[in-house]
């Protein structure tokens, strides 16, 4: 059946109705000549950074010590340029919104600021590689199903999410707006693991399986901590001011000390909640108060109730 081209005559009117909403609901469109960070560029930055962090595991094969310097140098040079532009865009947008100014040419040299931040960020890569090596080792040591460190790097979504988090956290510490959240939300979409870039996480961190893990902005996590799928480190409540607006910047999420293991679907809430070192939190536990070191917290053993199907029940009645 051929298309009815007469129906297409409605499309110009529909277009005008849609454009009218751009004026009526302007909070969800960004029109003008003030550029925002570009989503595809940020994802490309992450791809290149992971190539630098884990050489030989991703796009480029046959790397060796004779050619890896050239390959890495080319990536770093491109990252410098792209980061400079994207960070400058984020800084300019934040300054405009903060001042309540309309879109107009910048009064400040945001590109120079973006370049300075990009260089400072790239300088952290050697230290990040050392930290990520402990995360890879923690995954291997913590999962008896894992056969090699290579398997962790290739296959474990927890490592992917933690890698992106550690990169985003460095930009967060440098007060870069928007981009750290864009990074971790991309990782959230890819892995099902939601780590806010503002969280502080120590070395040798392992998320096993991972799907459904949520780690809030003000969470503090020590070293050698292991989480299973579905764990939430969240806020107990959201304090508001006298006008009913959320109070931002306060510690809302728990502190997890060193060598804590938190099993699947446990929920730990509150900025004053501290899980003492060497503790074990069992599956499906709901905690809103602190736990002393070396504690084991479990739910009371539930009772199973199994009802037979109607068919089985009728057969039992017949036999009786």
Protein backbone atom coordinates (compact mmCIF):
# COMPACT_ATOMS: atom_id res chain seq x y z
CA UNK A 1 0.00 0.00 0.00
CA UNK A 2 1.46 3.37 -1.04
CA UNK A 3 1.86 6.22 1.42
CA UNK A 4 -0.89 8.82 1.47
CA UNK A 5 1.02 11.99 0.68
CA UNK A 6 -1.97 14.09 1.70
CA UNK A 7 -1.27 13.14 5.31
CA UNK A 8 2.20 14.70 5.02
CA UNK A 9 0.51 18.08 4.58
CA UNK A 10 -0.08 18.03 8.35
CA UNK A 11 3.63 17.96 9.12
CA UNK A 12 4.38 21.72 8.74
CA UNK A 13 1.61 22.50 11.24
CA UNK A 14 2.96 19.85 13.61
CA UNK A 15 6.44 21.32 13.28
CA UNK A 16 5.14 24.77 14.22
CA UNK A 17 3.37 23.33 17.28
CA UNK A 18 6.58 21.64 18.40
CA UNK A 19 8.63 24.82 17.91
CA UNK A 20 6.03 26.76 19.93
CA UNK A 21 6.87 24.51 22.89
CA UNK A 22 10.51 25.62 22.62
CA UNK A 23 9.28 29.06 23.71
CA UNK A 24 6.70 27.82 26.20
CA UNK A 25 8.95 25.20 27.88
CA UNK A 26 12.39 26.69 27.43
CA UNK A 27 13.92 24.87 30.42
CA UNK A 28 14.46 21.69 28.39
CA UNK A 29 16.01 23.13 25.24
CA UNK A 30 19.32 24.92 24.68
CA UNK A 31 19.15 27.31 21.74
CA UNK A 32 21.62 30.02 20.83
CA UNK A 33 25.33 30.28 20.23
CA UNK A 34 26.66 29.23 23.65
CA UNK A 35 27.94 25.68 23.08
CA UNK A 36 27.53 22.92 25.65
CA UNK A 37 29.93 19.99 26.12
CA UNK A 38 29.31 17.57 23.28
CA UNK A 39 28.08 14.15 24.41
CA UNK A 40 29.81 12.22 21.61
CA UNK A 41 33.08 14.03 22.31
CA UNK A 42 32.94 13.12 26.01
CA UNK A 43 32.31 9.46 25.16
CA UNK A 44 35.23 9.63 22.71
CA UNK A 45 37.43 11.05 25.48
CA UNK A 46 36.56 8.07 27.68
CA UNK A 47 37.35 5.65 24.87
CA UNK A 48 40.76 7.22 24.31
CA UNK A 49 41.50 7.39 28.03
CA UNK A 50 40.73 3.68 28.46
CA UNK A 51 43.09 2.99 25.53
CA UNK A 52 45.81 4.87 27.45
CA UNK A 53 44.99 3.19 30.77
CA UNK A 54 44.78 -0.35 29.37
CA UNK A 55 47.04 -0.42 26.27
CA UNK A 56 46.80 -3.52 24.15
CA UNK A 57 43.34 -4.50 25.40
CA UNK A 58 41.18 -2.31 23.23
CA UNK A 59 41.45 -0.90 19.68
CA UNK A 60 45.16 -1.11 18.90
CA UNK A 61 46.86 -4.50 18.75
CA UNK A 62 50.54 -5.47 18.43
CA UNK A 63 51.71 -2.79 20.81
CA UNK A 64 55.14 -3.23 22.38
CA UNK A 65 57.66 -1.07 24.20
CA UNK A 66 59.14 -0.04 20.86
CA UNK A 67 55.97 1.62 19.55
CA UNK A 68 53.79 2.25 22.58
CA UNK A 69 55.36 5.66 23.26
CA UNK A 70 54.34 6.94 19.83
CA UNK A 71 50.82 5.46 20.17
CA UNK A 72 50.30 6.87 23.66
CA UNK A 73 51.75 10.24 22.71
CA UNK A 74 49.34 10.53 19.80
CA UNK A 75 46.39 9.74 22.08
CA UNK A 76 47.53 12.18 24.77
CA UNK A 77 47.97 14.94 22.19
CA UNK A 78 44.43 14.41 20.91
CA UNK A 79 43.04 14.18 24.43
CA UNK A 80 44.67 17.48 25.32
CA UNK A 81 42.93 19.22 22.43
CA UNK A 82 39.51 17.64 22.93
CA UNK A 83 39.52 18.04 26.71
CA UNK A 84 40.53 21.69 26.38
CA UNK A 85 37.55 22.45 24.16
CA UNK A 86 35.00 20.44 26.13
CA UNK A 87 36.12 21.71 29.55
CA UNK A 88 36.09 25.29 28.23
CA UNK A 89 32.52 24.81 27.03
CA UNK A 90 31.46 23.43 30.42
CA UNK A 91 33.13 26.29 32.30
CA UNK A 92 31.58 28.92 30.05
CA UNK A 93 28.11 27.43 30.40
CA UNK A 94 28.37 27.24 34.19
CA UNK A 95 29.57 30.86 34.43
CA UNK A 96 26.70 32.06 32.25
CA UNK A 97 24.08 30.16 34.25
CA UNK A 98 25.56 31.26 37.58
CA UNK A 99 25.46 34.91 36.54
CA UNK A 100 22.05 34.62 34.94
CA UNK A 101 23.41 36.07 31.72
CA UNK A 102 21.99 35.55 28.23
CA UNK A 103 24.00 33.75 25.58
CA UNK A 104 26.69 36.14 24.37
CA UNK A 105 30.45 36.15 23.64
CA UNK A 106 32.52 35.16 26.66
CA UNK A 107 34.23 37.84 28.71
CA UNK A 108 36.81 35.38 30.03
CA UNK A 109 39.38 33.20 28.33
CA UNK A 110 37.70 29.89 29.09
CA UNK A 111 39.89 28.03 26.60
CA UNK A 112 43.01 28.95 28.58
CA UNK A 113 41.31 27.73 31.76
CA UNK A 114 40.20 24.58 29.98
CA UNK A 115 43.74 23.87 28.80
CA UNK A 116 45.21 24.34 32.28
CA UNK A 117 42.67 21.92 33.75
CA UNK A 118 43.19 19.43 30.90
CA UNK A 119 46.95 19.36 31.55
CA UNK A 120 46.45 18.96 35.31
CA UNK A 121 43.98 16.12 34.69
CA UNK A 122 46.25 14.29 32.23
CA UNK A 123 49.09 14.53 34.75
CA UNK A 124 47.07 12.22 37.02
CA UNK A 125 47.08 9.29 34.59
CA UNK A 126 50.26 7.59 35.93
CA UNK A 127 48.85 7.62 39.47
CA UNK A 128 45.46 6.44 38.23
CA UNK A 129 47.07 3.45 36.52
CA UNK A 130 48.64 2.40 39.81
CA UNK A 131 45.28 2.66 41.59
CA UNK A 132 43.41 0.81 38.84
CA UNK A 133 45.98 -1.99 39.00
CA UNK A 134 44.87 -2.55 42.61
CA UNK A 135 41.22 -2.60 41.51
CA UNK A 136 41.98 -5.23 38.85
CA UNK A 137 43.88 -7.33 41.39
CA UNK A 138 41.02 -6.99 43.91
CA UNK A 139 38.57 -8.34 41.33
CA UNK A 140 40.81 -11.31 40.57
CA UNK A 141 41.45 -12.03 44.26
CA UNK A 142 37.79 -11.62 45.17
CA UNK A 143 36.17 -13.86 42.56
CA UNK A 144 37.11 -17.57 42.41
CA UNK A 145 35.41 -17.80 39.00
CA UNK A 146 37.98 -15.42 37.52
CA UNK A 147 40.85 -17.11 35.68
CA UNK A 148 43.17 -14.16 34.97
CA UNK A 149 43.72 -10.42 35.24
CA UNK A 150 43.05 -10.24 31.49
CA UNK A 151 39.56 -11.59 32.12
CA UNK A 152 38.90 -8.79 34.61
CA UNK A 153 39.94 -6.11 32.11
CA UNK A 154 38.01 -7.63 29.22
CA UNK A 155 34.85 -8.84 30.96
CA UNK A 156 34.05 -7.20 34.29
CA UNK A 157 31.50 -4.37 34.20
CA UNK A 158 32.49 -3.40 37.72
CA UNK A 159 35.97 -2.51 36.52
CA UNK A 160 34.53 -0.50 33.63
CA UNK A 161 32.34 1.52 35.98
CA UNK A 162 35.15 2.06 38.49
CA UNK A 163 37.56 3.10 35.72
CA UNK A 164 35.15 5.76 34.46
CA UNK A 165 34.42 6.85 38.02
CA UNK A 166 38.12 7.33 38.84
CA UNK A 167 38.60 9.45 35.71
CA UNK A 168 35.47 11.48 36.39
CA UNK A 169 36.44 11.95 40.05
CA UNK A 170 39.69 13.64 39.03
CA UNK A 171 37.73 16.13 36.91
CA UNK A 172 35.25 16.56 39.78
CA UNK A 173 38.12 17.48 42.11
CA UNK A 174 39.19 20.10 39.55
CA UNK A 175 35.67 21.62 39.71
CA UNK A 176 34.83 20.80 36.11
CA UNK A 177 31.05 21.11 35.69
CA UNK A 178 28.78 18.70 33.75
CA UNK A 179 31.48 16.50 32.20
CA UNK A 180 32.13 14.22 35.23
CA UNK A 181 28.40 13.49 35.50
CA UNK A 182 28.17 12.89 31.76
CA UNK A 183 30.97 10.34 32.12
CA UNK A 184 29.56 8.40 35.06
CA UNK A 185 26.02 8.44 33.68
CA UNK A 186 27.36 6.98 30.42
CA UNK A 187 29.01 4.24 32.49
CA UNK A 188 25.73 3.78 34.38
CA UNK A 189 23.92 3.22 31.09
CA UNK A 190 26.59 0.76 29.90
CA UNK A 191 27.02 -1.25 33.10
CA UNK A 192 23.98 -0.68 35.32
CA UNK A 193 26.33 0.67 38.02
CA UNK A 194 25.66 4.22 39.23
CA UNK A 195 28.66 5.87 40.94
CA UNK A 196 28.52 9.60 41.50
CA UNK A 197 31.84 11.25 40.58
CA UNK A 198 31.88 13.09 43.90
CA UNK A 199 32.13 9.87 45.93
CA UNK A 200 35.52 9.11 47.50
CA UNK A 201 36.69 5.53 47.00
CA UNK A 202 39.95 3.98 48.16
CA UNK A 203 42.23 1.47 46.47
CA UNK A 204 41.48 -2.19 45.77
CA UNK A 205 37.77 -1.61 45.22
CA UNK A 206 35.73 -4.45 43.72
CA UNK A 207 32.10 -4.54 42.60
CA UNK A 208 31.12 -8.15 41.87
CA UNK A 209 28.43 -8.64 39.20
CA UNK A 210 27.48 -5.03 39.72
CA UNK A 211 24.06 -4.41 38.20
CA UNK A 212 21.95 -2.11 40.35
CA UNK A 213 24.76 -0.76 42.55
CA UNK A 214 24.23 2.89 43.57
CA UNK A 215 26.95 4.96 45.28
CA UNK A 216 25.89 8.48 46.22
CA UNK A 217 27.82 11.72 45.92
CA UNK A 218 29.05 12.07 49.51
CA UNK A 219 29.86 8.40 50.12
CA UNK A 220 33.26 7.70 51.66
CA UNK A 221 34.65 4.23 50.93
CA UNK A 222 37.92 2.94 52.34
CA UNK A 223 40.40 0.45 50.87
CA UNK A 224 39.80 -3.23 50.04
CA UNK A 225 36.01 -2.86 50.04
CA UNK A 226 33.85 -5.33 48.12
CA UNK A 227 30.25 -4.77 47.02
CA UNK A 228 27.84 -7.16 45.36
CA UNK A 229 25.00 -6.40 42.96
CA UNK A 230 22.09 -4.26 44.06
CA UNK A 231 23.91 -2.50 46.93
CA UNK A 232 22.74 1.05 47.62
CA UNK A 233 24.81 3.62 49.52
CA UNK A 234 22.20 6.34 49.64
CA UNK A 235 20.73 9.28 51.50
CA UNK A 236 18.38 8.76 54.42
CA UNK A 237 16.48 11.98 53.73
CA UNK A 238 16.87 15.22 51.84
CA UNK A 239 17.09 18.22 54.20
CA UNK A 240 15.39 21.40 52.98
CA UNK A 241 15.67 25.07 53.88
CA UNK A 242 12.84 27.32 55.10
CA UNK A 243 11.64 27.73 51.52
CA UNK A 244 11.47 24.01 50.91
CA UNK A 245 14.53 23.92 48.66
CA UNK A 246 17.03 21.08 48.97
CA UNK A 247 20.13 21.92 51.00
CA UNK A 248 23.10 20.90 48.88
CA UNK A 249 26.68 20.21 49.88
CA UNK A 250 25.98 18.34 53.14
CA UNK A 251 27.13 14.75 53.74
CA UNK A 252 24.11 12.60 52.96
CA UNK A 253 25.64 9.21 52.22
CA UNK A 254 27.36 6.64 54.45
CA UNK A 255 30.99 6.01 55.27
CA UNK A 256 32.33 2.50 54.60
CA UNK A 257 35.65 1.79 56.31
CA UNK A 258 38.43 -0.54 55.12
CA UNK A 259 37.93 -4.24 54.29
CA UNK A 260 34.13 -4.20 54.47
CA UNK A 261 32.08 -6.68 52.42
CA UNK A 262 28.49 -5.75 51.54
CA UNK A 263 26.37 -8.49 50.02
CA UNK A 264 23.64 -8.29 47.38
CA UNK A 265 20.70 -5.87 47.72
CA UNK A 266 21.85 -4.38 51.02
CA UNK A 267 20.81 -0.76 51.56
CA UNK A 268 22.86 1.56 53.75
CA UNK A 269 21.58 5.11 54.21
CA UNK A 270 22.55 8.36 55.89
CA UNK A 271 25.49 10.72 56.16
CA UNK A 272 26.07 9.84 59.82
CA UNK A 273 26.06 6.08 59.17
CA UNK A 274 29.52 4.51 59.51
CA UNK A 275 30.23 0.85 58.75
CA UNK A 276 33.27 -0.06 60.82
CA UNK A 277 36.29 -1.70 59.27
CA UNK A 278 36.36 -5.47 58.67
CA UNK A 279 32.57 -5.73 58.91
CA UNK A 280 30.28 -7.93 56.82
CA UNK A 281 26.82 -6.72 55.82
CA UNK A 282 24.52 -9.50 54.69
CA UNK A 283 22.11 -9.61 51.76
CA UNK A 284 18.93 -7.50 51.87
CA UNK A 285 19.96 -5.72 55.08
CA UNK A 286 18.52 -2.22 55.60
CA UNK A 287 20.83 -0.06 57.74
CA UNK A 288 20.38 3.53 58.89
CA UNK A 289 22.69 3.43 61.92
CA UNK A 290 26.40 2.84 62.41
CA UNK A 291 28.05 -0.54 62.91
CA UNK A 292 31.16 -1.20 64.98
CA UNK A 293 34.31 -2.72 63.41
CA UNK A 294 34.38 -6.52 62.88
CA UNK A 295 30.57 -6.74 63.06
CA UNK A 296 28.45 -9.15 61.02
CA UNK A 297 24.98 -7.87 60.19
CA UNK A 298 22.39 -10.24 58.76
CA UNK A 299 18.63 -10.41 58.39
CA UNK A 300 16.78 -12.76 60.69
CA UNK A 301 16.43 -16.09 58.90
CA UNK A 302 13.18 -16.00 56.91
CA UNK A 303 10.75 -18.94 56.74
CA UNK A 304 10.03 -20.64 53.45
CA UNK A 305 6.42 -21.50 52.70
CA UNK A 306 5.80 -23.75 49.70
CA UNK A 307 2.26 -24.20 48.45
CA UNK A 308 1.66 -27.22 46.19
CA UNK A 309 0.01 -26.62 42.83
CA UNK A 310 -3.69 -27.36 42.48
CA UNK A 311 -2.90 -30.45 40.42
CA UNK A 312 -0.60 -31.88 43.09
CA UNK A 313 -3.10 -31.04 45.79
CA UNK A 314 -5.97 -32.76 43.97
CA UNK A 315 -3.85 -35.89 43.39
CA UNK A 316 -3.02 -35.96 47.10
CA UNK A 317 -6.72 -35.72 47.95
CA UNK A 318 -7.54 -38.55 45.54
CA UNK A 319 -4.86 -40.81 47.03
CA UNK A 320 -6.15 -40.16 50.52
